[in-house]
Amino acid sequence: MYFAVICRDKPGALQTRLDNREAHLAYIEETGAVFMAGPFIENEQMVGSLVILEVESLKAAQDWAANDPYAKAGLFEDVQVKAWKKVIG
């Protein structure tokens, strides 16, 4: 199943994102659960993330999101995990 992890950064947290980006990308690589991912951009700055996971359950998606180095560093103001259906692409 696919799940969308939709994250909004805390205001003014760009440096936290930059400081933890390498660990976040390594986590994506080592878990092998990410179907696609990328940052939200506002005023040419990263301000959040969209990660599409391919995992067995909502619980697995929530656990993945909770263990993301960005989440552990306190980057996010809000995180939502929702079932997602691929239709096109």
N, C-alpha and C. Protein backbone atom coordinates (compact mmCIF):
# COMPACT_ATOMS: atom_id res chain seq x y z
N MET A 1 0.84 -1.18 0.00
CA MET A 1 0.00 0.00 0.00
C MET A 1 0.89 1.24 0.00
N TYR A 2 0.32 2.30 -0.55
CA TYR A 2 1.04 3.59 -0.54
C TYR A 2 0.46 4.49 0.54
N PHE A 3 1.35 5.29 1.14
CA PHE A 3 0.96 6.28 2.14
C PHE A 3 1.73 7.56 1.87
N ALA A 4 1.04 8.69 1.99
CA ALA A 4 1.67 9.99 1.86
C ALA A 4 2.01 10.51 3.25
N VAL A 5 3.25 10.91 3.42
CA VAL A 5 3.70 11.56 4.65
C VAL A 5 3.89 13.02 4.28
N ILE A 6 3.03 13.87 4.84
CA ILE A 6 3.00 15.29 4.49
C ILE A 6 3.49 16.07 5.71
N CYS A 7 4.61 16.75 5.56
CA CYS A 7 5.26 17.41 6.69
C CYS A 7 5.44 18.90 6.41
N ARG A 8 5.15 19.71 7.41
CA ARG A 8 5.41 21.15 7.35
C ARG A 8 6.48 21.47 8.38
N ASP A 9 7.52 22.18 7.94
CA ASP A 9 8.59 22.57 8.85
C ASP A 9 8.12 23.64 9.83
N LYS A 10 8.73 23.68 10.99
CA LYS A 10 8.51 24.77 11.92
C LYS A 10 9.05 26.05 11.27
N PRO A 11 8.42 27.18 11.50
CA PRO A 11 8.94 28.44 10.94
C PRO A 11 10.39 28.67 11.38
N GLY A 12 11.21 29.10 10.45
CA GLY A 12 12.60 29.43 10.77
C GLY A 12 13.49 28.23 11.01
N ALA A 13 13.07 27.03 10.57
CA ALA A 13 13.83 25.81 10.87
C ALA A 13 14.70 25.33 9.71
N LEU A 14 14.98 26.20 8.76
CA LEU A 14 15.77 25.77 7.60
C LEU A 14 17.11 25.18 8.02
N GLN A 15 17.77 25.77 9.01
CA GLN A 15 19.08 25.26 9.41
C GLN A 15 18.97 23.85 10.00
N THR A 16 17.90 23.58 10.73
CA THR A 16 17.67 22.23 11.25
C THR A 16 17.54 21.25 10.09
N ARG A 17 16.80 21.64 9.06
CA ARG A 17 16.65 20.80 7.86
C ARG A 17 18.02 20.55 7.23
N LEU A 18 18.80 21.60 7.03
CA LEU A 18 20.10 21.46 6.38
C LEU A 18 21.06 20.60 7.21
N ASP A 19 21.03 20.79 8.52
CA ASP A 19 21.91 20.03 9.41
C ASP A 19 21.60 18.54 9.41
N ASN A 20 20.36 18.17 9.13
CA ASN A 20 19.94 16.77 9.21
C ASN A 20 19.65 16.14 7.86
N ARG A 21 19.89 16.87 6.79
CA ARG A 21 19.55 16.40 5.44
C ARG A 21 20.30 15.12 5.06
N GLU A 22 21.58 15.06 5.35
CA GLU A 22 22.36 13.87 5.00
C GLU A 22 21.83 12.62 5.71
N ALA A 23 21.51 12.75 6.99
CA ALA A 23 20.95 11.61 7.75
C ALA A 23 19.58 11.23 7.22
N HIS A 24 18.77 12.22 6.85
CA HIS A 24 17.44 11.96 6.28
C HIS A 24 17.56 11.18 4.97
N LEU A 25 18.44 11.61 4.09
CA LEU A 25 18.63 10.93 2.81
C LEU A 25 19.19 9.51 3.00
N ALA A 26 20.07 9.33 3.97
CA ALA A 26 20.59 8.00 4.28
C ALA A 26 19.47 7.09 4.80
N TYR A 27 18.59 7.63 5.63
CA TYR A 27 17.45 6.88 6.17
C TYR A 27 16.54 6.41 5.03
N ILE A 28 16.28 7.31 4.10
CA ILE A 28 15.47 6.94 2.93
C ILE A 28 16.13 5.77 2.19
N GLU A 29 17.41 5.87 1.97
CA GLU A 29 18.15 4.83 1.24
C GLU A 29 18.12 3.50 2.00
N GLU A 30 18.39 3.54 3.29
CA GLU A 30 18.52 2.28 4.03
C GLU A 30 17.18 1.60 4.32
N THR A 31 16.09 2.35 4.40
CA THR A 31 14.81 1.72 4.70
C THR A 31 14.17 1.10 3.46
N GLY A 32 14.45 1.64 2.29
CA GLY A 32 13.92 1.09 1.06
C GLY A 32 12.41 1.18 0.91
N ALA A 33 11.75 2.01 1.69
CA ALA A 33 10.29 2.11 1.68
C ALA A 33 9.76 3.27 0.86
N VAL A 34 10.65 4.14 0.39
CA VAL A 34 10.21 5.38 -0.26
C VAL A 34 10.00 5.15 -1.76
N PHE A 35 8.78 5.44 -2.20
CA PHE A 35 8.41 5.35 -3.61
C PHE A 35 8.85 6.62 -4.34
N MET A 36 8.59 7.77 -3.73
CA MET A 36 9.05 9.06 -4.25
C MET A 36 9.02 10.07 -3.10
N ALA A 37 9.80 11.13 -3.25
CA ALA A 37 9.87 12.11 -2.16
C ALA A 37 10.46 13.41 -2.67
N GLY A 38 10.20 14.47 -1.93
CA GLY A 38 10.79 15.76 -2.25
C GLY A 38 10.28 16.84 -1.31
N PRO A 39 10.99 17.96 -1.28
CA PRO A 39 10.61 19.05 -0.38
C PRO A 39 9.55 19.95 -1.01
N PHE A 40 8.75 20.57 -0.15
CA PHE A 40 7.90 21.68 -0.56
C PHE A 40 8.78 22.92 -0.59
N ILE A 41 8.52 23.80 -1.56
CA ILE A 41 9.33 25.01 -1.74
C ILE A 41 8.44 26.24 -1.66
N GLU A 42 8.86 27.20 -0.85
CA GLU A 42 8.21 28.52 -0.80
C GLU A 42 9.32 29.57 -0.79
N ASN A 43 9.19 30.58 -1.61
CA ASN A 43 10.21 31.64 -1.69
C ASN A 43 11.61 31.05 -1.87
N GLU A 44 11.67 30.00 -2.71
CA GLU A 44 12.92 29.34 -3.05
C GLU A 44 13.61 28.65 -1.87
N GLN A 45 12.86 28.36 -0.79
CA GLN A 45 13.40 27.66 0.36
C GLN A 45 12.59 26.40 0.63
N MET A 46 13.25 25.36 1.13
CA MET A 46 12.56 24.14 1.55
C MET A 46 11.79 24.43 2.83
N VAL A 47 10.50 24.07 2.83
CA VAL A 47 9.64 24.38 3.99
C VAL A 47 8.82 23.18 4.45
N GLY A 48 9.09 22.02 3.90
CA GLY A 48 8.35 20.83 4.28
C GLY A 48 8.74 19.68 3.36
N SER A 49 8.07 18.55 3.55
CA SER A 49 8.39 17.35 2.77
C SER A 49 7.12 16.61 2.39
N LEU A 50 7.18 15.97 1.23
CA LEU A 50 6.18 15.00 0.82
C LEU A 50 6.94 13.72 0.53
N VAL A 51 6.57 12.66 1.25
CA VAL A 51 7.21 11.36 1.06
C VAL A 51 6.09 10.36 0.79
N ILE A 52 6.19 9.66 -0.32
CA ILE A 52 5.25 8.59 -0.62
C ILE A 52 5.94 7.27 -0.28
N LEU A 53 5.35 6.56 0.67
CA LEU A 53 5.90 5.29 1.13
C LEU A 53 5.14 4.12 0.53
N GLU A 54 5.84 3.04 0.30
CA GLU A 54 5.20 1.79 -0.07
C GLU A 54 5.49 0.80 1.07
N VAL A 55 4.50 0.66 1.96
CA VAL A 55 4.63 -0.19 3.14
C VAL A 55 3.34 -0.97 3.35
N GLU A 56 3.34 -1.88 4.29
CA GLU A 56 2.22 -2.79 4.49
C GLU A 56 1.02 -2.19 5.22
N SER A 57 1.24 -1.14 6.03
CA SER A 57 0.14 -0.66 6.87
C SER A 57 0.34 0.79 7.27
N LEU A 58 -0.73 1.39 7.75
CA LEU A 58 -0.67 2.75 8.28
C LEU A 58 0.32 2.81 9.44
N LYS A 59 0.32 1.81 10.29
CA LYS A 59 1.25 1.77 11.43
C LYS A 59 2.70 1.78 10.95
N ALA A 60 2.99 1.01 9.91
CA ALA A 60 4.36 1.00 9.36
C ALA A 60 4.74 2.37 8.82
N ALA A 61 3.81 3.04 8.17
CA ALA A 61 4.06 4.39 7.65
C ALA A 61 4.28 5.37 8.79
N GLN A 62 3.45 5.28 9.82
CA GLN A 62 3.61 6.17 10.98
C GLN A 62 4.94 5.93 11.68
N ASP A 63 5.33 4.67 11.80
CA ASP A 63 6.62 4.35 12.42
C ASP A 63 7.78 4.89 11.58
N TRP A 64 7.67 4.74 10.25
CA TRP A 64 8.71 5.27 9.37
C TRP A 64 8.84 6.78 9.59
N ALA A 65 7.71 7.48 9.60
CA ALA A 65 7.72 8.94 9.76
C ALA A 65 8.31 9.34 11.11
N ALA A 66 7.97 8.62 12.17
CA ALA A 66 8.46 8.95 13.51
C ALA A 66 9.97 8.75 13.64
N ASN A 67 10.52 7.83 12.85
CA ASN A 67 11.95 7.54 12.94
C ASN A 67 12.81 8.29 11.92
N ASP A 68 12.19 9.10 11.10
CA ASP A 68 12.92 9.94 10.15
C ASP A 68 13.81 10.89 10.95
N PRO A 69 15.09 11.01 10.60
CA PRO A 69 15.97 11.93 11.31
C PRO A 69 15.43 13.37 11.37
N TYR A 70 14.71 13.81 10.35
CA TYR A 70 14.10 15.14 10.43
C TYR A 70 13.12 15.23 11.59
N ALA A 71 12.28 14.21 11.75
CA ALA A 71 11.31 14.20 12.86
C ALA A 71 12.03 14.15 14.19
N LYS A 72 13.04 13.31 14.29
CA LYS A 72 13.78 13.18 15.55
C LYS A 72 14.50 14.48 15.92
N ALA A 73 14.86 15.28 14.91
CA ALA A 73 15.54 16.56 15.16
C ALA A 73 14.55 17.67 15.51
N GLY A 74 13.24 17.38 15.47
CA GLY A 74 12.24 18.39 15.81
C GLY A 74 11.97 19.37 14.69
N LEU A 75 12.23 19.00 13.45
CA LEU A 75 12.05 19.91 12.32
C LEU A 75 10.59 20.27 12.06
N PHE A 76 9.70 19.33 12.26
CA PHE A 76 8.34 19.51 11.76
C PHE A 76 7.38 20.15 12.76
N GLU A 77 6.57 21.04 12.22
CA GLU A 77 5.47 21.65 12.96
C GLU A 77 4.25 20.73 12.91
N ASP A 78 4.08 20.03 11.77
CA ASP A 78 2.92 19.18 11.57
C ASP A 78 3.30 18.02 10.66
N VAL A 79 2.82 16.83 10.99
CA VAL A 79 3.02 15.65 10.15
C VAL A 79 1.69 14.93 10.01
N GLN A 80 1.31 14.65 8.78
CA GLN A 80 0.12 13.87 8.50
C GLN A 80 0.54 12.64 7.69
N VAL A 81 -0.07 11.51 8.01
CA VAL A 81 0.17 10.27 7.26
C VAL A 81 -1.18 9.79 6.77
N LYS A 82 -1.31 9.69 5.44
CA LYS A 82 -2.59 9.34 4.83
C LYS A 82 -2.40 8.27 3.77
N ALA A 83 -3.38 7.38 3.67
CA ALA A 83 -3.37 6.40 2.59
C ALA A 83 -3.43 7.17 1.27
N TRP A 84 -2.71 6.65 0.27
CA TRP A 84 -2.63 7.33 -1.03
C TRP A 84 -2.75 6.28 -2.13
N LYS A 85 -3.47 6.61 -3.18
CA LYS A 85 -3.65 5.69 -4.30
C LYS A 85 -3.00 6.28 -5.54
N LYS A 86 -2.08 5.54 -6.12
CA LYS A 86 -1.44 5.94 -7.38
C LYS A 86 -2.43 5.68 -8.51
N VAL A 87 -2.73 6.71 -9.30
CA VAL A 87 -3.64 6.58 -10.41
C VAL A 87 -2.94 6.84 -11.74
N ILE A 88 -2.08 7.85 -11.78
CA ILE A 88 -1.38 8.24 -13.00
C ILE A 88 0.11 8.29 -12.72
N GLY A 89 0.90 7.84 -13.69
CA GLY A 89 2.34 7.97 -13.57
C GLY A 89 3.04 6.69 -13.26
